[in-house]
């Protein structure tokens, strides 16, 4: 988890570019499964230079934390 300058958590993961292929660093391949077609479109993180890291839809769901359940108010009596 990355911490912003105000001390709040951000959702973006930071990836090590040394562990990624050229296509993954350029956004032409999924950062997880290396799939190139269809081109990944979901931004799941960033590199240290703030360029985007992309993943395919299936891998993006696995990387991103599950959202919290929607809070629903109880009906008034």
PDB file of N, CA and C in Angstrom:
ATOM      1  N   UNK A   1       0.853  -1.171   0.000  1.00  0.00           N
ATOM      2  CA  UNK A   1       0.000   0.000   0.000  1.00  0.00           C
ATOM      3  C   UNK A   1       0.894   1.227   0.000  1.00  0.00           C
ATOM      4  N   UNK A   2       0.539   2.181  -0.772  1.00  0.00           N
ATOM      5  CA  UNK A   2       1.309   3.413  -0.862  1.00  0.00           C
ATOM      6  C   UNK A   2       0.650   4.490  -0.019  1.00  0.00           C
ATOM      7  N   UNK A   3       1.466   5.287   0.619  1.00  0.00           N
ATOM      8  CA  UNK A   3       0.946   6.371   1.442  1.00  0.00           C
ATOM      9  C   UNK A   3       1.214   7.697   0.766  1.00  0.00           C
ATOM     10  N   UNK A   4       0.192   8.513   0.681  1.00  0.00           N
ATOM     11  CA  UNK A   4       0.311   9.812   0.061  1.00  0.00           C
ATOM     12  C   UNK A   4       0.977  10.812   0.993  1.00  0.00           C
ATOM     13  N   UNK A   5       1.259  12.004   0.506  1.00  0.00           N
ATOM     14  CA  UNK A   5       1.917  13.014   1.328  1.00  0.00           C
ATOM     15  C   UNK A   5       1.076  13.469   2.511  1.00  0.00           C
ATOM     16  N   UNK A   6      -0.228  13.275   2.452  1.00  0.00           N
ATOM     17  CA  UNK A   6      -1.086  13.677   3.562  1.00  0.00           C
ATOM     18  C   UNK A   6      -1.275  12.555   4.573  1.00  0.00           C
ATOM     19  N   UNK A   7      -0.637  11.407   4.336  1.00  0.00           N
ATOM     20  CA  UNK A   7      -0.751  10.293   5.266  1.00  0.00           C
ATOM     21  C   UNK A   7      -1.939   9.398   5.005  1.00  0.00           C
ATOM     22  N   UNK A   8      -2.618   9.605   3.881  1.00  0.00           N
ATOM     23  CA  UNK A   8      -3.757   8.765   3.546  1.00  0.00           C
ATOM     24  C   UNK A   8      -3.329   7.680   2.571  1.00  0.00           C
ATOM     25  N   UNK A   9      -3.960   6.537   2.653  1.00  0.00           N
ATOM     26  CA  UNK A   9      -3.620   5.422   1.779  1.00  0.00           C
ATOM     27  C   UNK A   9      -4.173   5.662   0.380  1.00  0.00           C
ATOM     28  N   UNK A  10      -3.408   5.272  -0.610  1.00  0.00           N
ATOM     29  CA  UNK A  10      -3.837   5.349  -1.995  1.00  0.00           C
ATOM     30  C   UNK A  10      -4.072   3.928  -2.495  1.00  0.00           C
ATOM     31  N   UNK A  11      -4.901   3.769  -3.524  1.00  0.00           N
ATOM     32  CA  UNK A  11      -5.239   2.451  -4.028  1.00  0.00           C
ATOM     33  C   UNK A  11      -4.214   1.897  -5.014  1.00  0.00           C
ATOM     34  N   UNK A  12      -3.360   2.720  -5.557  1.00  0.00           N
ATOM     35  CA  UNK A  12      -2.440   2.272  -6.587  1.00  0.00           C
ATOM     36  C   UNK A  12      -1.241   1.530  -6.006  1.00  0.00           C
ATOM     37  N   UNK A  13      -0.888   0.428  -6.641  1.00  0.00           N
ATOM     38  CA  UNK A  13       0.299  -0.342  -6.276  1.00  0.00           C
ATOM     39  C   UNK A  13       1.489   0.192  -7.062  1.00  0.00           C
ATOM     40  N   UNK A  14       2.665   0.119  -6.501  1.00  0.00           N
ATOM     41  CA  UNK A  14       3.879   0.509  -7.213  1.00  0.00           C
ATOM     42  C   UNK A  14       4.630  -0.762  -7.591  1.00  0.00           C
ATOM     43  N   UNK A  15       4.928  -0.907  -8.880  1.00  0.00           N
ATOM     44  CA  UNK A  15       5.593  -2.090  -9.396  1.00  0.00           C
ATOM     45  C   UNK A  15       7.056  -1.803  -9.663  1.00  0.00           C
ATOM     46  N   UNK A  16       7.889  -2.819  -9.480  1.00  0.00           N
ATOM     47  CA  UNK A  16       9.316  -2.726  -9.756  1.00  0.00           C
ATOM     48  C   UNK A  16       9.532  -2.933 -11.252  1.00  0.00           C
ATOM     49  N   UNK A  17      10.041  -1.937 -11.978  1.00  0.00           N
ATOM     50  CA  UNK A  17      10.192  -2.076 -13.423  1.00  0.00           C
ATOM     51  C   UNK A  17      11.247  -3.112 -13.818  1.00  0.00           C
ATOM     52  N   UNK A  18      12.176  -3.446 -12.932  1.00  0.00           N
ATOM     53  CA  UNK A  18      13.205  -4.433 -13.260  1.00  0.00           C
ATOM     54  C   UNK A  18      12.615  -5.825 -13.449  1.00  0.00           C
ATOM     55  N   UNK A  19      11.463  -6.094 -12.846  1.00  0.00           N
ATOM     56  CA  UNK A  19      10.836  -7.405 -12.929  1.00  0.00           C
ATOM     57  C   UNK A  19       9.845  -7.518 -14.089  1.00  0.00           C
ATOM     58  N   UNK A  20       9.637  -6.433 -14.823  1.00  0.00           N
ATOM     59  CA  UNK A  20       8.654  -6.416 -15.908  1.00  0.00           C
ATOM     60  C   UNK A  20       9.336  -6.427 -17.264  1.00  0.00           C
ATOM     61  N   UNK A  21       8.645  -6.968 -18.259  1.00  0.00           N
ATOM     62  CA  UNK A  21       9.163  -6.946 -19.626  1.00  0.00           C
ATOM     63  C   UNK A  21       8.945  -5.553 -20.227  1.00  0.00           C
ATOM     64  N   UNK A  22       9.536  -5.321 -21.379  1.00  0.00           N
ATOM     65  CA  UNK A  22       9.375  -4.035 -22.059  1.00  0.00           C
ATOM     66  C   UNK A  22       7.900  -3.791 -22.362  1.00  0.00           C
ATOM     67  N   UNK A  23       7.203  -4.827 -22.849  1.00  0.00           N
ATOM     68  CA  UNK A  23       5.789  -4.679 -23.207  1.00  0.00           C
ATOM     69  C   UNK A  23       4.937  -4.354 -21.982  1.00  0.00           C
ATOM     70  N   UNK A  24       5.261  -4.950 -20.845  1.00  0.00           N
ATOM     71  CA  UNK A  24       4.511  -4.657 -19.622  1.00  0.00           C
ATOM     72  C   UNK A  24       4.769  -3.230 -19.147  1.00  0.00           C
ATOM     73  N   UNK A  25       6.008  -2.767 -19.236  1.00  0.00           N
ATOM     74  CA  UNK A  25       6.326  -1.394 -18.812  1.00  0.00           C
ATOM     75  C   UNK A  25       5.657  -0.358 -19.711  1.00  0.00           C
ATOM     76  N   UNK A  26       5.489  -0.688 -20.986  1.00  0.00           N
ATOM     77  CA  UNK A  26       4.874   0.248 -21.931  1.00  0.00           C
ATOM     78  C   UNK A  26       3.354   0.158 -21.968  1.00  0.00           C
ATOM     79  N   UNK A  27       2.764  -0.801 -21.248  1.00  0.00           N
ATOM     80  CA  UNK A  27       1.315  -0.949 -21.241  1.00  0.00           C
ATOM     81  C   UNK A  27       0.784  -1.770 -22.398  1.00  0.00           C
ATOM     82  N   UNK A  28       1.653  -2.464 -23.123  1.00  0.00           N
ATOM     83  CA  UNK A  28       1.228  -3.288 -24.247  1.00  0.00           C
ATOM     84  C   UNK A  28       0.909  -4.717 -23.836  1.00  0.00           C
ATOM     85  N   UNK A  29       1.227  -5.120 -22.611  1.00  0.00           N
ATOM     86  CA  UNK A  29       0.948  -6.465 -22.120  1.00  0.00           C
ATOM     87  C   UNK A  29       0.479  -6.374 -20.673  1.00  0.00           C
ATOM     88  N   UNK A  30      -0.327  -7.355 -20.287  1.00  0.00           N
ATOM     89  CA  UNK A  30      -0.829  -7.412 -18.907  1.00  0.00           C
ATOM     90  C   UNK A  30       0.340  -7.589 -17.948  1.00  0.00           C
ATOM     91  N   UNK A  31       0.320  -6.872 -16.854  1.00  0.00           N
ATOM     92  CA  UNK A  31       1.401  -6.915 -15.881  1.00  0.00           C
ATOM     93  C   UNK A  31       1.454  -8.262 -15.155  1.00  0.00           C
ATOM     94  N   UNK A  32       0.365  -9.035 -15.173  1.00  0.00           N
ATOM     95  CA  UNK A  32       0.316 -10.311 -14.469  1.00  0.00           C
ATOM     96  C   UNK A  32       0.534 -11.492 -15.411  1.00  0.00           C
ATOM     97  N   UNK A  33      -0.296 -11.600 -16.452  1.00  0.00           N
ATOM     98  CA  UNK A  33      -0.286 -12.801 -17.297  1.00  0.00           C
ATOM     99  C   UNK A  33       0.427 -12.610 -18.634  1.00  0.00           C
ATOM    100  N   UNK A  34       0.941 -11.437 -18.914  1.00  0.00           N
ATOM    101  CA  UNK A  34       1.680 -11.113 -20.137  1.00  0.00           C
ATOM    102  C   UNK A  34       0.816 -11.148 -21.404  1.00  0.00           C
ATOM    103  N   UNK A  35      -0.501 -11.252 -21.261  1.00  0.00           N
ATOM    104  CA  UNK A  35      -1.377 -11.304 -22.432  1.00  0.00           C
ATOM    105  C   UNK A  35      -1.333  -9.961 -23.163  1.00  0.00           C
ATOM    106  N   UNK A  36      -1.168 -10.033 -24.499  1.00  0.00           N
ATOM    107  CA  UNK A  36      -1.081  -8.813 -25.294  1.00  0.00           C
ATOM    108  C   UNK A  36      -2.360  -8.506 -26.064  1.00  0.00           C
ATOM    109  N   UNK A  37      -3.231  -9.502 -26.229  1.00  0.00           N
ATOM    110  CA  UNK A  37      -4.457  -9.267 -26.979  1.00  0.00           C
ATOM    111  C   UNK A  37      -5.624  -9.889 -26.261  1.00  0.00           C
ATOM    112  N   UNK A  38      -6.704  -9.226 -26.014  1.00  0.00           N
ATOM    113  CA  UNK A  38      -6.877  -7.791 -26.258  1.00  0.00           C
ATOM    114  C   UNK A  38      -5.978  -6.981 -25.326  1.00  0.00           C
ATOM    115  N   UNK A  39      -5.601  -5.819 -25.815  1.00  0.00           N
ATOM    116  CA  UNK A  39      -4.675  -4.973 -25.066  1.00  0.00           C
ATOM    117  C   UNK A  39      -5.249  -4.635 -23.691  1.00  0.00           C
ATOM    118  N   UNK A  40      -4.432  -4.752 -22.638  1.00  0.00           N
ATOM    119  CA  UNK A  40      -4.943  -4.442 -21.289  1.00  0.00           C
ATOM    120  C   UNK A  40      -5.359  -2.979 -21.186  1.00  0.00           C
ATOM    121  N   UNK A  41      -6.444  -2.748 -20.445  1.00  0.00           N
ATOM    122  CA  UNK A  41      -6.984  -1.386 -20.346  1.00  0.00           C
ATOM    123  C   UNK A  41      -7.204  -0.911 -18.922  1.00  0.00           C
ATOM    124  N   UNK A  42      -7.073  -1.805 -17.945  1.00  0.00           N
ATOM    125  CA  UNK A  42      -7.368  -1.432 -16.561  1.00  0.00           C
ATOM    126  C   UNK A  42      -6.083  -1.014 -15.862  1.00  0.00           C
ATOM    127  N   UNK A  43      -6.056   0.210 -15.371  1.00  0.00           N
ATOM    128  CA  UNK A  43      -4.875   0.695 -14.654  1.00  0.00           C
ATOM    129  C   UNK A  43      -4.897   0.129 -13.233  1.00  0.00           C
ATOM    130  N   UNK A  44      -3.880  -0.662 -12.916  1.00  0.00           N
ATOM    131  CA  UNK A  44      -3.833  -1.303 -11.601  1.00  0.00           C
ATOM    132  C   UNK A  44      -2.691  -0.800 -10.742  1.00  0.00           C
ATOM    133  N   UNK A  45      -1.835   0.020 -11.296  1.00  0.00           N
ATOM    134  CA  UNK A  45      -0.713   0.512 -10.515  1.00  0.00           C
ATOM    135  C   UNK A  45       0.120   1.490 -11.304  1.00  0.00           C
ATOM    136  N   UNK A  46       1.339   1.672 -10.807  1.00  0.00           N
ATOM    137  CA  UNK A  46       2.241   2.620 -11.451  1.00  0.00           C
ATOM    138  C   UNK A  46       3.674   2.148 -11.265  1.00  0.00           C
ATOM    139  N   UNK A  47       4.543   2.730 -12.044  1.00  0.00           N
ATOM    140  CA  UNK A  47       5.977   2.529 -11.900  1.00  0.00           C
ATOM    141  C   UNK A  47       6.518   3.676 -11.058  1.00  0.00           C
ATOM    142  N   UNK A  48       7.746   3.568 -10.568  1.00  0.00           N
ATOM    143  CA  UNK A  48       8.295   4.671  -9.758  1.00  0.00           C
ATOM    144  C   UNK A  48       8.305   6.024 -10.465  1.00  0.00           C
ATOM    145  N   UNK A  49       8.322   6.038 -11.812  1.00  0.00           N
ATOM    146  CA  UNK A  49       8.284   7.317 -12.532  1.00  0.00           C
ATOM    147  C   UNK A  49       6.854   7.777 -12.819  1.00  0.00           C
ATOM    148  N   UNK A  50       5.865   7.173 -12.155  1.00  0.00           N
ATOM    149  CA  UNK A  50       4.442   7.503 -12.249  1.00  0.00           C
ATOM    150  C   UNK A  50       3.790   7.134 -13.574  1.00  0.00           C
ATOM    151  N   UNK A  51       4.428   6.333 -14.416  1.00  0.00           N
ATOM    152  CA  UNK A  51       3.754   5.847 -15.611  1.00  0.00           C
ATOM    153  C   UNK A  51       2.827   4.697 -15.214  1.00  0.00           C
ATOM    154  N   UNK A  52       1.761   4.523 -15.979  1.00  0.00           N
ATOM    155  CA  UNK A  52       0.711   3.566 -15.630  1.00  0.00           C
ATOM    156  C   UNK A  52       1.137   2.131 -15.895  1.00  0.00           C
ATOM    157  N   UNK A  53       0.637   1.224 -15.054  1.00  0.00           N
ATOM    158  CA  UNK A  53       0.805  -0.210 -15.245  1.00  0.00           C
ATOM    159  C   UNK A  53      -0.588  -0.764 -15.474  1.00  0.00           C
ATOM    160  N   UNK A  54      -0.766  -1.526 -16.568  1.00  0.00           N
ATOM    161  CA  UNK A  54      -2.083  -1.993 -16.969  1.00  0.00           C
ATOM    162  C   UNK A  54      -2.221  -3.501 -16.827  1.00  0.00           C
ATOM    163  N   UNK A  55      -3.459  -3.953 -16.645  1.00  0.00           N
ATOM    164  CA  UNK A  55      -3.754  -5.383 -16.558  1.00  0.00           C
ATOM    165  C   UNK A  55      -5.022  -5.673 -17.345  1.00  0.00           C
ATOM    166  N   UNK A  56      -5.175  -6.944 -17.751  1.00  0.00           N
ATOM    167  CA  UNK A  56      -6.414  -7.354 -18.417  1.00  0.00           C
ATOM    168  C   UNK A  56      -7.523  -7.400 -17.368  1.00  0.00           C
ATOM    169  N   UNK A  57      -8.758  -7.509 -17.817  1.00  0.00           N
ATOM    170  CA  UNK A  57      -9.894  -7.464 -16.890  1.00  0.00           C
ATOM    171  C   UNK A  57      -9.835  -8.572 -15.843  1.00  0.00           C
ATOM    172  N   UNK A  58      -9.483  -9.795 -16.253  1.00  0.00           N
ATOM    173  CA  UNK A  58      -9.452 -10.915 -15.315  1.00  0.00           C
ATOM    174  C   UNK A  58      -8.397 -10.706 -14.237  1.00  0.00           C
ATOM    175  N   UNK A  59      -7.207 -10.299 -14.635  1.00  0.00           N
ATOM    176  CA  UNK A  59      -6.130 -10.098 -13.668  1.00  0.00           C
ATOM    177  C   UNK A  59      -6.370  -8.872 -12.798  1.00  0.00           C
ATOM    178  N   UNK A  60      -7.013  -7.853 -13.341  1.00  0.00           N
ATOM    179  CA  UNK A  60      -7.292  -6.640 -12.567  1.00  0.00           C
ATOM    180  C   UNK A  60      -8.219  -6.950 -11.402  1.00  0.00           C
ATOM    181  N   UNK A  61      -9.187  -7.828 -11.624  1.00  0.00           N
ATOM    182  CA  UNK A  61     -10.092  -8.198 -10.541  1.00  0.00           C
ATOM    183  C   UNK A  61      -9.341  -8.903  -9.417  1.00  0.00           C
ATOM    184  N   UNK A  62      -8.332  -9.694  -9.772  1.00  0.00           N
ATOM    185  CA  UNK A  62      -7.557 -10.416  -8.764  1.00  0.00           C
ATOM    186  C   UNK A  62      -6.609  -9.484  -8.007  1.00  0.00           C
ATOM    187  N   UNK A  63      -6.110  -8.442  -8.661  1.00  0.00           N
ATOM    188  CA  UNK A  63      -5.160  -7.530  -8.022  1.00  0.00           C
ATOM    189  C   UNK A  63      -5.811  -6.499  -7.110  1.00  0.00           C
ATOM    190  N   UNK A  64      -6.953  -6.012  -7.516  1.00  0.00           N
ATOM    191  CA  UNK A  64      -7.582  -4.936  -6.769  1.00  0.00           C
ATOM    192  C   UNK A  64      -8.314  -5.501  -5.559  1.00  0.00           C
ATOM    193  N   UNK A  65      -8.235  -4.812  -4.420  1.00  0.00           N
ATOM    194  CA  UNK A  65      -8.932  -5.302  -3.230  1.00  0.00           C
ATOM    195  C   UNK A  65     -10.441  -5.269  -3.431  1.00  0.00           C
ATOM    196  N   UNK A  66     -11.125  -6.200  -2.816  1.00  0.00           N
ATOM    197  CA  UNK A  66     -12.579  -6.246  -2.925  1.00  0.00           C
ATOM    198  C   UNK A  66     -13.175  -5.015  -2.250  1.00  0.00           C
ATOM    199  N   UNK A  67     -14.159  -4.439  -2.890  1.00  0.00           N
ATOM    200  CA  UNK A  67     -14.780  -3.254  -2.311  1.00  0.00           C
ATOM    201  C   UNK A  67     -15.641  -3.670  -1.116  1.00  0.00           C
ATOM    202  N   UNK A  68     -15.757  -2.753  -0.179  1.00  0.00           N
ATOM    203  CA  UNK A  68     -16.577  -3.012   0.996  1.00  0.00           C
ATOM    204  C   UNK A  68     -18.046  -3.018   0.598  1.00  0.00           C
ATOM    205  N   UNK A  69     -18.825  -3.762   1.336  1.00  0.00           N
ATOM    206  CA  UNK A  69     -20.257  -3.837   1.059  1.00  0.00           C
ATOM    207  C   UNK A  69     -20.873  -2.445   1.197  1.00  0.00           C
ATOM    208  N   UNK A  70     -21.856  -2.195   0.395  1.00  0.00           N
ATOM    209  CA  UNK A  70     -22.540  -0.919   0.452  1.00  0.00           C
ATOM    210  C   UNK A  70     -23.318  -0.828   1.762  1.00  0.00           C
ATOM    211  N   UNK A  71     -23.198   0.274   2.435  1.00  0.00           N
ATOM    212  CA  UNK A  71     -23.900   0.481   3.701  1.00  0.00           C
ATOM    213  C   UNK A  71     -25.328   0.896   3.380  1.00  0.00           C
ATOM    214  N   UNK A  72     -26.259   0.132   3.922  1.00  0.00           N
ATOM    215  CA  UNK A  72     -27.666   0.411   3.699  1.00  0.00           C
ATOM    216  C   UNK A  72     -28.314   0.756   5.038  1.00  0.00           C
ATOM    217  N   UNK A  73     -29.034   1.851   5.069  1.00  0.00           N
ATOM    218  CA  UNK A  73     -29.684   2.271   6.307  1.00  0.00           C
ATOM    219  C   UNK A  73     -30.893   1.379   6.582  1.00  0.00           C
ATOM    220  N   UNK A  74     -31.115   1.108   7.835  1.00  0.00           N
ATOM    221  CA  UNK A  74     -32.297   0.343   8.220  1.00  0.00           C
ATOM    222  C   UNK A  74     -33.536   1.224   8.046  1.00  0.00           C
ATOM    223  N   UNK A  75     -34.645   0.617   7.674  1.00  0.00           N
ATOM    224  CA  UNK A  75     -35.866   1.435   7.515  1.00  0.00           C
ATOM    225  C   UNK A  75     -36.314   2.011   8.852  1.00  0.00           C
ATOM    226  N   UNK A  76     -36.838   3.216   8.804  1.00  0.00           N
ATOM    227  CA  UNK A  76     -37.321   3.869  10.027  1.00  0.00           C
ATOM    228  C   UNK A  76     -38.589   3.194  10.493  1.00  0.00           C
ATOM    229  N   UNK A  77     -38.773   3.146  11.774  1.00  0.00           N
ATOM    230  CA  UNK A  77     -39.990   2.520  12.325  1.00  0.00           C
ATOM    231  C   UNK A  77     -41.084   3.499  12.478  1.00  0.00           C
TER     232      UNK A  77
END
